[in-house]
N, C-alpha and C. Protein backbone atom coordinates (compact mmCIF):
# COMPACT_ATOMS: atom_id res chain seq x y z
N MET A 1 14.79 -36.68 42.97
CA MET A 1 14.57 -37.69 41.96
C MET A 1 13.20 -37.47 41.31
N GLU A 2 13.15 -37.52 40.00
CA GLU A 2 11.91 -37.27 39.27
C GLU A 2 10.99 -38.48 39.34
N SER A 3 9.72 -38.20 39.54
CA SER A 3 8.72 -39.26 39.59
C SER A 3 8.55 -39.89 38.21
N VAL A 4 8.32 -41.21 38.20
CA VAL A 4 8.05 -41.91 36.94
C VAL A 4 6.75 -41.37 36.34
N THR A 5 5.84 -40.95 37.22
CA THR A 5 4.56 -40.43 36.76
C THR A 5 4.72 -39.11 36.04
N GLY A 6 5.73 -38.31 36.40
CA GLY A 6 5.92 -36.98 35.81
C GLY A 6 5.92 -36.98 34.30
N PRO A 7 6.85 -37.69 33.65
CA PRO A 7 6.87 -37.69 32.18
C PRO A 7 5.60 -38.31 31.58
N ARG A 8 5.09 -39.34 32.20
CA ARG A 8 3.88 -39.99 31.69
C ARG A 8 2.68 -39.05 31.81
N LEU A 9 2.57 -38.38 32.96
CA LEU A 9 1.48 -37.42 33.16
C LEU A 9 1.62 -36.26 32.18
N ALA A 10 2.84 -35.75 32.03
CA ALA A 10 3.06 -34.64 31.11
C ALA A 10 2.64 -35.01 29.69
N SER A 11 3.01 -36.20 29.26
CA SER A 11 2.65 -36.65 27.91
C SER A 11 1.13 -36.80 27.77
N GLY A 12 0.51 -37.42 28.76
CA GLY A 12 -0.94 -37.60 28.71
C GLY A 12 -1.68 -36.27 28.70
N LEU A 13 -1.25 -35.34 29.54
CA LEU A 13 -1.88 -34.01 29.57
C LEU A 13 -1.70 -33.29 28.25
N ARG A 14 -0.48 -33.36 27.71
CA ARG A 14 -0.21 -32.68 26.43
C ARG A 14 -1.14 -33.19 25.35
N ILE A 15 -1.25 -34.49 25.25
CA ILE A 15 -2.11 -35.08 24.22
C ILE A 15 -3.57 -34.69 24.44
N SER A 16 -4.04 -34.80 25.67
CA SER A 16 -5.44 -34.47 25.97
C SER A 16 -5.75 -33.01 25.71
N VAL A 17 -4.86 -32.13 26.15
CA VAL A 17 -5.09 -30.70 25.95
C VAL A 17 -5.07 -30.36 24.46
N MET A 18 -4.17 -30.97 23.71
CA MET A 18 -4.11 -30.72 22.27
C MET A 18 -5.37 -31.23 21.57
N ARG A 19 -5.84 -32.40 21.95
CA ARG A 19 -7.07 -32.94 21.34
C ARG A 19 -8.27 -32.06 21.65
N LEU A 20 -8.38 -31.64 22.92
CA LEU A 20 -9.50 -30.78 23.30
C LEU A 20 -9.41 -29.45 22.56
N SER A 21 -8.21 -28.90 22.46
CA SER A 21 -8.03 -27.65 21.75
C SER A 21 -8.45 -27.78 20.28
N ARG A 22 -8.04 -28.87 19.66
CA ARG A 22 -8.42 -29.11 18.26
C ARG A 22 -9.94 -29.23 18.13
N ARG A 23 -10.57 -29.97 19.03
CA ARG A 23 -12.03 -30.10 18.99
C ARG A 23 -12.73 -28.76 19.20
N MET A 24 -12.18 -27.95 20.10
CA MET A 24 -12.77 -26.63 20.35
C MET A 24 -12.64 -25.75 19.10
N ARG A 25 -11.51 -25.85 18.42
CA ARG A 25 -11.33 -25.06 17.19
C ARG A 25 -12.28 -25.54 16.10
N GLN A 26 -12.61 -26.84 16.11
CA GLN A 26 -13.49 -27.39 15.09
C GLN A 26 -14.96 -27.16 15.41
N ALA A 27 -15.25 -26.77 16.66
CA ALA A 27 -16.64 -26.51 17.04
C ALA A 27 -17.18 -25.38 16.17
N PRO A 28 -18.49 -25.40 15.92
CA PRO A 28 -19.06 -24.33 15.10
C PRO A 28 -18.63 -22.96 15.63
N SER A 29 -18.14 -22.15 14.72
CA SER A 29 -17.58 -20.86 15.11
C SER A 29 -17.85 -19.85 14.01
N SER A 30 -17.18 -18.73 14.11
CA SER A 30 -17.30 -17.71 13.08
C SER A 30 -16.56 -18.16 11.83
N SER A 31 -16.62 -17.35 10.82
CA SER A 31 -15.94 -17.68 9.56
C SER A 31 -14.47 -17.27 9.58
N LEU A 32 -14.00 -16.78 10.71
CA LEU A 32 -12.60 -16.36 10.80
C LEU A 32 -11.69 -17.54 11.07
N SER A 33 -10.44 -17.39 10.68
CA SER A 33 -9.43 -18.42 10.94
C SER A 33 -9.03 -18.37 12.42
N PRO A 34 -8.43 -19.44 12.93
CA PRO A 34 -7.95 -19.40 14.32
C PRO A 34 -6.97 -18.25 14.57
N THR A 35 -6.12 -17.93 13.60
CA THR A 35 -5.18 -16.82 13.76
C THR A 35 -5.92 -15.49 13.87
N GLN A 36 -6.95 -15.32 13.06
CA GLN A 36 -7.72 -14.08 13.10
C GLN A 36 -8.47 -13.94 14.43
N ILE A 37 -9.06 -15.03 14.90
CA ILE A 37 -9.75 -15.01 16.19
C ILE A 37 -8.75 -14.71 17.31
N ALA A 38 -7.60 -15.37 17.28
CA ALA A 38 -6.57 -15.16 18.32
C ALA A 38 -6.09 -13.71 18.31
N THR A 39 -5.94 -13.13 17.13
CA THR A 39 -5.49 -11.75 17.02
C THR A 39 -6.52 -10.80 17.63
N LEU A 40 -7.78 -11.00 17.30
CA LEU A 40 -8.84 -10.19 17.89
C LEU A 40 -8.85 -10.32 19.41
N ALA A 41 -8.75 -11.54 19.88
CA ALA A 41 -8.78 -11.79 21.33
C ALA A 41 -7.60 -11.12 22.02
N THR A 42 -6.43 -11.16 21.40
CA THR A 42 -5.25 -10.51 21.99
C THR A 42 -5.46 -9.00 22.07
N LEU A 43 -5.98 -8.41 21.01
CA LEU A 43 -6.25 -6.97 21.02
C LEU A 43 -7.30 -6.62 22.06
N GLU A 44 -8.29 -7.47 22.21
CA GLU A 44 -9.32 -7.21 23.22
C GLU A 44 -8.72 -7.28 24.63
N ARG A 45 -7.90 -8.29 24.85
CA ARG A 45 -7.32 -8.53 26.18
C ARG A 45 -6.25 -7.49 26.54
N LEU A 46 -5.37 -7.15 25.59
CA LEU A 46 -4.23 -6.29 25.90
C LEU A 46 -4.42 -4.84 25.47
N GLY A 47 -5.43 -4.58 24.65
CA GLY A 47 -5.68 -3.22 24.19
C GLY A 47 -4.93 -2.89 22.91
N PRO A 48 -5.12 -1.68 22.41
CA PRO A 48 -4.50 -1.26 21.16
C PRO A 48 -2.98 -1.42 21.20
N MET A 49 -2.42 -1.84 20.07
CA MET A 49 -0.96 -1.99 19.97
C MET A 49 -0.53 -1.92 18.53
N THR A 50 0.78 -1.76 18.35
CA THR A 50 1.33 -1.71 17.00
C THR A 50 1.27 -3.12 16.39
N LEU A 51 1.37 -3.16 15.07
CA LEU A 51 1.35 -4.45 14.39
C LEU A 51 2.57 -5.29 14.75
N GLY A 52 3.69 -4.64 14.99
CA GLY A 52 4.90 -5.35 15.41
C GLY A 52 4.71 -5.99 16.78
N GLU A 53 4.13 -5.24 17.71
CA GLU A 53 3.86 -5.79 19.05
C GLU A 53 2.88 -6.95 18.96
N LEU A 54 1.87 -6.78 18.14
CA LEU A 54 0.86 -7.82 17.96
C LEU A 54 1.46 -9.07 17.33
N ALA A 55 2.32 -8.88 16.34
CA ALA A 55 2.99 -10.03 15.70
C ALA A 55 3.83 -10.78 16.73
N ALA A 56 4.52 -10.05 17.59
CA ALA A 56 5.33 -10.70 18.63
C ALA A 56 4.44 -11.47 19.60
N GLN A 57 3.33 -10.87 20.00
CA GLN A 57 2.40 -11.54 20.92
C GLN A 57 1.87 -12.84 20.32
N GLU A 58 1.55 -12.79 19.04
CA GLU A 58 0.95 -13.95 18.36
C GLU A 58 1.99 -14.88 17.75
N ARG A 59 3.26 -14.51 17.86
CA ARG A 59 4.37 -15.31 17.35
C ARG A 59 4.24 -15.59 15.84
N VAL A 60 3.97 -14.52 15.11
CA VAL A 60 3.94 -14.60 13.65
C VAL A 60 4.84 -13.49 13.10
N GLN A 61 5.18 -13.57 11.84
CA GLN A 61 6.02 -12.57 11.20
C GLN A 61 5.19 -11.29 10.96
N PRO A 62 5.81 -10.12 11.07
CA PRO A 62 5.07 -8.87 10.85
C PRO A 62 4.29 -8.80 9.53
N PRO A 63 4.86 -9.27 8.40
CA PRO A 63 4.06 -9.21 7.17
C PRO A 63 2.76 -10.04 7.26
N SER A 64 2.83 -11.17 7.95
CA SER A 64 1.63 -11.99 8.13
C SER A 64 0.60 -11.24 8.97
N MET A 65 1.08 -10.57 10.03
CA MET A 65 0.16 -9.81 10.88
C MET A 65 -0.46 -8.65 10.12
N THR A 66 0.31 -8.03 9.25
CA THR A 66 -0.23 -6.94 8.44
C THR A 66 -1.40 -7.45 7.61
N ARG A 67 -1.25 -8.63 7.00
CA ARG A 67 -2.34 -9.20 6.20
C ARG A 67 -3.55 -9.52 7.07
N VAL A 68 -3.32 -10.08 8.24
CA VAL A 68 -4.43 -10.42 9.15
C VAL A 68 -5.19 -9.16 9.53
N ILE A 69 -4.47 -8.12 9.91
CA ILE A 69 -5.11 -6.88 10.34
C ILE A 69 -5.84 -6.21 9.18
N MET A 70 -5.26 -6.25 7.99
CA MET A 70 -5.94 -5.66 6.82
C MET A 70 -7.27 -6.36 6.59
N HIS A 71 -7.28 -7.69 6.69
CA HIS A 71 -8.51 -8.45 6.49
C HIS A 71 -9.53 -8.11 7.58
N LEU A 72 -9.09 -8.08 8.83
CA LEU A 72 -10.00 -7.77 9.93
C LEU A 72 -10.53 -6.34 9.81
N ASP A 73 -9.70 -5.44 9.33
CA ASP A 73 -10.13 -4.06 9.09
C ASP A 73 -11.18 -4.01 7.98
N ASP A 74 -10.94 -4.76 6.91
CA ASP A 74 -11.92 -4.81 5.81
C ASP A 74 -13.28 -5.30 6.29
N LEU A 75 -13.27 -6.20 7.29
CA LEU A 75 -14.52 -6.74 7.84
C LEU A 75 -15.13 -5.84 8.91
N GLY A 76 -14.42 -4.76 9.27
CA GLY A 76 -14.92 -3.84 10.28
C GLY A 76 -14.73 -4.34 11.71
N LEU A 77 -13.81 -5.28 11.90
CA LEU A 77 -13.60 -5.87 13.22
C LEU A 77 -12.46 -5.20 13.99
N VAL A 78 -11.58 -4.52 13.28
CA VAL A 78 -10.52 -3.72 13.89
C VAL A 78 -10.42 -2.39 13.15
N THR A 79 -9.80 -1.44 13.81
CA THR A 79 -9.46 -0.18 13.15
C THR A 79 -7.95 -0.04 13.18
N ARG A 80 -7.44 0.64 12.19
CA ARG A 80 -6.02 0.97 12.13
C ARG A 80 -5.91 2.48 12.22
N SER A 81 -5.04 2.93 13.09
CA SER A 81 -4.84 4.38 13.22
C SER A 81 -3.35 4.66 13.29
N PRO A 82 -2.95 5.87 12.92
CA PRO A 82 -1.53 6.20 12.95
C PRO A 82 -1.00 6.24 14.38
N HIS A 83 0.25 5.85 14.54
CA HIS A 83 0.95 5.93 15.82
C HIS A 83 1.13 7.41 16.15
N LYS A 84 1.00 7.78 17.42
CA LYS A 84 1.07 9.19 17.81
C LYS A 84 2.44 9.81 17.60
N THR A 85 3.50 9.02 17.75
CA THR A 85 4.84 9.60 17.66
C THR A 85 5.68 9.04 16.51
N ASP A 86 5.24 7.94 15.91
CA ASP A 86 6.01 7.32 14.83
C ASP A 86 5.08 7.10 13.64
N GLY A 87 5.16 7.99 12.68
CA GLY A 87 4.28 7.94 11.52
C GLY A 87 4.41 6.70 10.67
N ARG A 88 5.47 5.92 10.88
CA ARG A 88 5.66 4.69 10.09
C ARG A 88 4.84 3.53 10.66
N GLN A 89 4.39 3.68 11.90
CA GLN A 89 3.69 2.58 12.55
C GLN A 89 2.18 2.80 12.59
N VAL A 90 1.48 1.68 12.73
CA VAL A 90 0.02 1.69 12.80
C VAL A 90 -0.38 1.04 14.11
N ILE A 91 -1.43 1.58 14.72
CA ILE A 91 -2.00 1.00 15.95
C ILE A 91 -3.30 0.31 15.58
N ALA A 92 -3.45 -0.94 16.00
CA ALA A 92 -4.68 -1.70 15.75
C ALA A 92 -5.51 -1.74 17.03
N SER A 93 -6.82 -1.61 16.85
CA SER A 93 -7.78 -1.65 17.97
C SER A 93 -8.99 -2.47 17.55
N VAL A 94 -9.60 -3.13 18.51
CA VAL A 94 -10.82 -3.90 18.25
C VAL A 94 -12.01 -2.93 18.20
N THR A 95 -12.90 -3.14 17.24
CA THR A 95 -14.12 -2.34 17.14
C THR A 95 -15.23 -3.01 17.96
N PRO A 96 -16.32 -2.32 18.19
CA PRO A 96 -17.46 -2.96 18.85
C PRO A 96 -17.93 -4.21 18.10
N ALA A 97 -17.89 -4.18 16.77
CA ALA A 97 -18.28 -5.37 15.99
C ALA A 97 -17.31 -6.52 16.25
N GLY A 98 -16.04 -6.22 16.42
CA GLY A 98 -15.05 -7.25 16.73
C GLY A 98 -15.30 -7.85 18.10
N ARG A 99 -15.63 -7.01 19.07
CA ARG A 99 -15.95 -7.51 20.43
C ARG A 99 -17.19 -8.39 20.40
N GLU A 100 -18.17 -7.98 19.63
CA GLU A 100 -19.42 -8.75 19.51
C GLU A 100 -19.14 -10.11 18.87
N LEU A 101 -18.32 -10.13 17.83
CA LEU A 101 -17.98 -11.39 17.19
C LEU A 101 -17.25 -12.32 18.16
N LEU A 102 -16.31 -11.77 18.93
CA LEU A 102 -15.58 -12.58 19.91
C LEU A 102 -16.53 -13.16 20.95
N GLU A 103 -17.43 -12.34 21.43
CA GLU A 103 -18.38 -12.82 22.45
C GLU A 103 -19.27 -13.92 21.89
N SER A 104 -19.73 -13.75 20.67
CA SER A 104 -20.56 -14.76 20.02
C SER A 104 -19.78 -16.05 19.82
N ASP A 105 -18.52 -15.92 19.39
CA ASP A 105 -17.66 -17.08 19.19
C ASP A 105 -17.44 -17.82 20.51
N ARG A 106 -17.16 -17.07 21.56
CA ARG A 106 -16.95 -17.69 22.88
C ARG A 106 -18.20 -18.40 23.37
N ARG A 107 -19.35 -17.76 23.15
CA ARG A 107 -20.62 -18.35 23.57
C ARG A 107 -20.85 -19.70 22.87
N ARG A 108 -20.60 -19.74 21.56
CA ARG A 108 -20.80 -20.99 20.80
C ARG A 108 -19.85 -22.08 21.29
N ARG A 109 -18.61 -21.72 21.53
CA ARG A 109 -17.64 -22.72 22.01
C ARG A 109 -17.98 -23.19 23.43
N ASP A 110 -18.41 -22.25 24.28
CA ASP A 110 -18.83 -22.62 25.63
C ASP A 110 -20.03 -23.56 25.59
N GLU A 111 -20.97 -23.27 24.71
CA GLU A 111 -22.15 -24.14 24.57
C GLU A 111 -21.74 -25.53 24.11
N TRP A 112 -20.82 -25.59 23.16
CA TRP A 112 -20.35 -26.88 22.67
C TRP A 112 -19.75 -27.69 23.82
N LEU A 113 -18.88 -27.05 24.60
CA LEU A 113 -18.23 -27.74 25.71
C LEU A 113 -19.24 -28.10 26.80
N ALA A 114 -20.16 -27.20 27.11
CA ALA A 114 -21.17 -27.47 28.14
C ALA A 114 -22.01 -28.68 27.77
N GLU A 115 -22.30 -28.85 26.48
CA GLU A 115 -23.06 -30.03 26.04
C GLU A 115 -22.31 -31.32 26.33
N ARG A 116 -21.01 -31.28 26.27
CA ARG A 116 -20.21 -32.47 26.56
C ARG A 116 -20.05 -32.69 28.06
N LEU A 117 -20.01 -31.61 28.83
CA LEU A 117 -19.83 -31.73 30.28
C LEU A 117 -21.04 -32.37 30.96
N VAL A 118 -22.25 -32.16 30.41
CA VAL A 118 -23.44 -32.75 31.05
C VAL A 118 -23.43 -34.27 30.98
N GLU A 119 -22.60 -34.83 30.12
CA GLU A 119 -22.49 -36.28 29.99
C GLU A 119 -21.61 -36.90 31.08
N LEU A 120 -20.94 -36.06 31.86
CA LEU A 120 -19.99 -36.54 32.87
C LEU A 120 -20.68 -36.77 34.22
N GLU A 121 -20.03 -37.57 35.03
CA GLU A 121 -20.50 -37.84 36.39
C GLU A 121 -20.12 -36.67 37.30
N PRO A 122 -20.86 -36.47 38.41
CA PRO A 122 -20.55 -35.37 39.32
C PRO A 122 -19.10 -35.38 39.83
N ASP A 123 -18.54 -36.57 40.11
CA ASP A 123 -17.15 -36.61 40.58
C ASP A 123 -16.18 -36.20 39.48
N GLU A 124 -16.51 -36.50 38.22
CA GLU A 124 -15.67 -36.07 37.11
C GLU A 124 -15.72 -34.54 36.96
N ILE A 125 -16.89 -33.97 37.14
CA ILE A 125 -17.05 -32.51 37.08
C ILE A 125 -16.20 -31.86 38.17
N ALA A 126 -16.23 -32.43 39.37
CA ALA A 126 -15.45 -31.88 40.49
C ALA A 126 -13.95 -31.91 40.16
N VAL A 127 -13.50 -33.00 39.56
CA VAL A 127 -12.08 -33.10 39.19
C VAL A 127 -11.75 -32.03 38.15
N LEU A 128 -12.62 -31.84 37.17
CA LEU A 128 -12.36 -30.84 36.13
C LEU A 128 -12.35 -29.43 36.71
N GLU A 129 -13.21 -29.16 37.68
CA GLU A 129 -13.21 -27.84 38.31
C GLU A 129 -11.86 -27.56 38.96
N ARG A 130 -11.31 -28.54 39.64
CA ARG A 130 -10.00 -28.38 40.27
C ARG A 130 -8.90 -28.31 39.19
N ALA A 131 -9.02 -29.15 38.18
CA ALA A 131 -8.01 -29.19 37.12
C ALA A 131 -7.96 -27.87 36.34
N ALA A 132 -9.10 -27.23 36.13
CA ALA A 132 -9.12 -25.97 35.39
C ALA A 132 -8.25 -24.93 36.07
N VAL A 133 -8.31 -24.86 37.40
CA VAL A 133 -7.49 -23.92 38.14
C VAL A 133 -6.00 -24.26 37.98
N ILE A 134 -5.69 -25.54 38.08
CA ILE A 134 -4.30 -25.98 37.96
C ILE A 134 -3.76 -25.76 36.55
N LEU A 135 -4.56 -26.06 35.54
CA LEU A 135 -4.11 -25.85 34.15
C LEU A 135 -3.88 -24.38 33.88
N ASP A 136 -4.74 -23.52 34.44
CA ASP A 136 -4.55 -22.09 34.27
C ASP A 136 -3.24 -21.64 34.94
N LYS A 137 -2.95 -22.22 36.09
CA LYS A 137 -1.69 -21.90 36.80
C LYS A 137 -0.49 -22.29 35.93
N ILE A 138 -0.55 -23.48 35.32
CA ILE A 138 0.53 -23.94 34.45
C ILE A 138 0.66 -23.03 33.23
N ALA A 139 -0.48 -22.68 32.63
CA ALA A 139 -0.48 -21.84 31.43
C ALA A 139 0.10 -20.45 31.70
N ASN A 140 -0.07 -19.96 32.91
CA ASN A 140 0.42 -18.62 33.25
C ASN A 140 1.81 -18.62 33.87
N SER A 141 2.46 -19.79 33.95
CA SER A 141 3.79 -19.83 34.58
C SER A 141 4.90 -19.50 33.59
C-alpha cells in the first residue's frame, strides 16, 4: 500500500527542486544560454561525440544542436572535426577555453548557493548533506 506521504513528498520535492534549479539558472553566470552551458557540460563529462549523439543526450533536435555547436565553435568553446569513418558527420569537443568557462560558471553558481547556505542552522545543513546524496541517487536511477 502506498504511503499518503509519498505523493505529497514527491510533489513538494518536485516544486522545491524546480524552484532551486530556476534560481541557480538565474544566478549570475556566463553570457551563454542554459542549453549552451548544458551542451558544454555534457561534452566535458562524456567526451567528444557526434552532433546526433549530443542532440540525443540533450534531448533536442539535431538542427538545434547544429546551431548550438556552431555558436559555441564561433566563440572558441568547442571544436568541430570530421568523423574518422563517416565524412558526413562531425565530432564536437570542448576546448580549454570551454572548460575554463564551465569552471568559472560553476564557481559563480557554487558561490551563490554557499552564500545562502550560511544562513541555515547546523541541523538544516546536516539534513541537506544527507539529502544531497539521496537526490543524487534518485537522479541517477
